[in-house]
Amino acid sequence: MAAITPGSARAASPLPLNVDDLTLPCRTTDPDLWTSSVYTEQLRAADLCHDCPHMLACRAWARATGQAGACGGETEAQRRRALSTRTAA
């Protein structure tokens, strides 16, 4: 997957914060990786999140808003499991 240009990265990023850091993984990789419905691609995107200082904020936002794809270091399936475990407890 090719890197995207900084101008298009902002619109495609799942980052819920007003952050202008163009070095973040979701700003420098193909946006299709983050929104892919292919589980292995979501795993790859989620793995890229783990060094990001905004990972926990993104995770909370993704869980609260029901985002699809990878966000906050979680795949969509991981997020669903975490939410269902929390509501079942």
C-alpha atoms as a PDB file:
ATOM      1  CA  MET A   1       0.000   0.000   0.000  1.00  0.00           C
ATOM      2  CA  ALA A   2       1.353   3.375  -0.943  1.00  0.00           C
ATOM      3  CA  ALA A   3       1.755   6.252   1.479  1.00  0.00           C
ATOM      4  CA  ILE A   4      -0.702   9.074   1.111  1.00  0.00           C
ATOM      5  CA  THR A   5       0.033  12.769   0.926  1.00  0.00           C
ATOM      6  CA  PRO A   6      -0.322  14.887   4.067  1.00  0.00           C
ATOM      7  CA  GLY A   7      -3.211  16.875   2.619  1.00  0.00           C
ATOM      8  CA  SER A   8      -5.323  13.778   2.075  1.00  0.00           C
ATOM      9  CA  ALA A   9      -4.231  12.093   5.304  1.00  0.00           C
ATOM     10  CA  ARG A  10      -6.269  14.373   7.540  1.00  0.00           C
ATOM     11  CA  ALA A  11      -9.588  13.601   5.864  1.00  0.00           C
ATOM     12  CA  ALA A  12      -8.933   9.867   5.799  1.00  0.00           C
ATOM     13  CA  SER A  13      -7.549   9.504   9.321  1.00  0.00           C
ATOM     14  CA  PRO A  14      -9.651   7.896  12.018  1.00  0.00           C
ATOM     15  CA  LEU A  15      -7.895  10.138  14.551  1.00  0.00           C
ATOM     16  CA  PRO A  16     -10.677  11.922  16.463  1.00  0.00           C
ATOM     17  CA  LEU A  17      -8.404  14.629  17.809  1.00  0.00           C
ATOM     18  CA  ASN A  18      -7.336  17.887  16.230  1.00  0.00           C
ATOM     19  CA  VAL A  19      -3.751  16.757  15.865  1.00  0.00           C
ATOM     20  CA  ASP A  20      -1.477  18.061  13.147  1.00  0.00           C
ATOM     21  CA  ASP A  21       1.261  15.473  13.679  1.00  0.00           C
ATOM     22  CA  LEU A  22       1.844  14.103  10.205  1.00  0.00           C
ATOM     23  CA  THR A  23       4.155  11.404  11.561  1.00  0.00           C
ATOM     24  CA  LEU A  24       1.310   9.384  13.114  1.00  0.00           C
ATOM     25  CA  PRO A  25       0.754   5.993  11.453  1.00  0.00           C
ATOM     26  CA  CYS A  26      -2.843   6.799  10.496  1.00  0.00           C
ATOM     27  CA  ARG A  27      -1.604   9.961   8.775  1.00  0.00           C
ATOM     28  CA  THR A  28       1.221   8.378   6.813  1.00  0.00           C
ATOM     29  CA  THR A  29      -0.154   5.050   5.597  1.00  0.00           C
ATOM     30  CA  ASP A  30      -2.836   4.162   3.112  1.00  0.00           C
ATOM     31  CA  PRO A  31      -6.232   5.061   4.637  1.00  0.00           C
ATOM     32  CA  ASP A  32      -7.718   1.898   3.161  1.00  0.00           C
ATOM     33  CA  LEU A  33      -5.618  -0.107   5.630  1.00  0.00           C
ATOM     34  CA  TRP A  34      -7.480   1.458   8.577  1.00  0.00           C
ATOM     35  CA  THR A  35     -10.951   0.984   7.110  1.00  0.00           C
ATOM     36  CA  SER A  36     -10.398  -2.401   5.506  1.00  0.00           C
ATOM     37  CA  SER A  37     -12.906  -5.159   6.167  1.00  0.00           C
ATOM     38  CA  VAL A  38     -10.076  -7.724   5.847  1.00  0.00           C
ATOM     39  CA  TYR A  39      -9.167  -8.869   9.348  1.00  0.00           C
ATOM     40  CA  THR A  40      -5.449  -9.325   8.663  1.00  0.00           C
ATOM     41  CA  GLU A  41      -5.231  -5.766   7.317  1.00  0.00           C
ATOM     42  CA  GLN A  42      -7.051  -4.482  10.409  1.00  0.00           C
ATOM     43  CA  LEU A  43      -4.532  -6.356  12.567  1.00  0.00           C
ATOM     44  CA  ARG A  44      -1.679  -4.697  10.697  1.00  0.00           C
ATOM     45  CA  ALA A  45      -3.221  -1.243  11.143  1.00  0.00           C
ATOM     46  CA  ALA A  46      -3.984  -1.860  14.822  1.00  0.00           C
ATOM     47  CA  ASP A  47      -0.401  -2.949  15.374  1.00  0.00           C
ATOM     48  CA  LEU A  48       0.837   0.347  13.929  1.00  0.00           C
ATOM     49  CA  CYS A  49      -1.164   2.194  16.624  1.00  0.00           C
ATOM     50  CA  HIS A  50       0.783   0.778  19.537  1.00  0.00           C
ATOM     51  CA  ASP A  51       3.544   3.408  19.434  1.00  0.00           C
ATOM     52  CA  CYS A  52       1.115   6.303  19.007  1.00  0.00           C
ATOM     53  CA  PRO A  53       0.674   8.708  21.931  1.00  0.00           C
ATOM     54  CA  HIS A  54      -3.010   9.099  20.997  1.00  0.00           C
ATOM     55  CA  MET A  55      -3.872   5.390  20.957  1.00  0.00           C
ATOM     56  CA  LEU A  56      -6.030   5.379  24.101  1.00  0.00           C
ATOM     57  CA  ALA A  57      -7.951   8.490  23.059  1.00  0.00           C
ATOM     58  CA  CYS A  58      -8.625   6.946  19.649  1.00  0.00           C
ATOM     59  CA  ARG A  59      -9.697   3.685  21.264  1.00  0.00           C
ATOM     60  CA  ALA A  60     -12.177   5.456  23.545  1.00  0.00           C
ATOM     61  CA  TRP A  61     -13.535   7.456  20.608  1.00  0.00           C
ATOM     62  CA  ALA A  62     -13.874   4.369  18.405  1.00  0.00           C
ATOM     63  CA  ARG A  63     -15.687   2.448  21.142  1.00  0.00           C
ATOM     64  CA  ALA A  64     -18.014   5.355  21.922  1.00  0.00           C
ATOM     65  CA  THR A  65     -18.907   6.040  18.300  1.00  0.00           C
ATOM     66  CA  GLY A  66     -19.008   2.501  16.892  1.00  0.00           C
ATOM     67  CA  GLN A  67     -16.261   3.006  14.327  1.00  0.00           C
ATOM     68  CA  ALA A  68     -15.553   0.366  11.718  1.00  0.00           C
ATOM     69  CA  GLY A  69     -12.071  -0.902  10.912  1.00  0.00           C
ATOM     70  CA  ALA A  70      -8.949  -0.516  13.011  1.00  0.00           C
ATOM     71  CA  CYS A  71      -8.660   2.309  15.501  1.00  0.00           C
ATOM     72  CA  GLY A  72      -6.893   2.806  18.802  1.00  0.00           C
ATOM     73  CA  GLY A  73      -4.858  -0.359  18.510  1.00  0.00           C
ATOM     74  CA  GLU A  74      -7.931  -2.572  18.090  1.00  0.00           C
ATOM     75  CA  THR A  75      -9.595  -4.278  15.184  1.00  0.00           C
ATOM     76  CA  GLU A  76     -13.338  -3.969  14.816  1.00  0.00           C
ATOM     77  CA  ALA A  77     -13.776  -7.515  16.196  1.00  0.00           C
ATOM     78  CA  GLN A  78     -11.538  -6.801  19.193  1.00  0.00           C
ATOM     79  CA  ARG A  79     -13.533  -3.644  19.928  1.00  0.00           C
ATOM     80  CA  ARG A  80     -16.845  -5.544  19.743  1.00  0.00           C
ATOM     81  CA  ARG A  81     -15.508  -8.195  22.138  1.00  0.00           C
ATOM     82  CA  ALA A  82     -14.264  -5.572  24.590  1.00  0.00           C
ATOM     83  CA  LEU A  83     -17.597  -3.778  24.533  1.00  0.00           C
ATOM     84  CA  SER A  84     -19.645  -6.953  24.913  1.00  0.00           C
ATOM     85  CA  THR A  85     -17.461  -8.080  27.847  1.00  0.00           C
ATOM     86  CA  ARG A  86     -17.893  -4.712  29.521  1.00  0.00           C
ATOM     87  CA  THR A  87     -21.686  -4.704  29.138  1.00  0.00           C
ATOM     88  CA  ALA A  88     -21.979  -8.340  30.249  1.00  0.00           C
ATOM     89  CA  ALA A  89     -20.079  -7.696  33.479  1.00  0.00           C
END
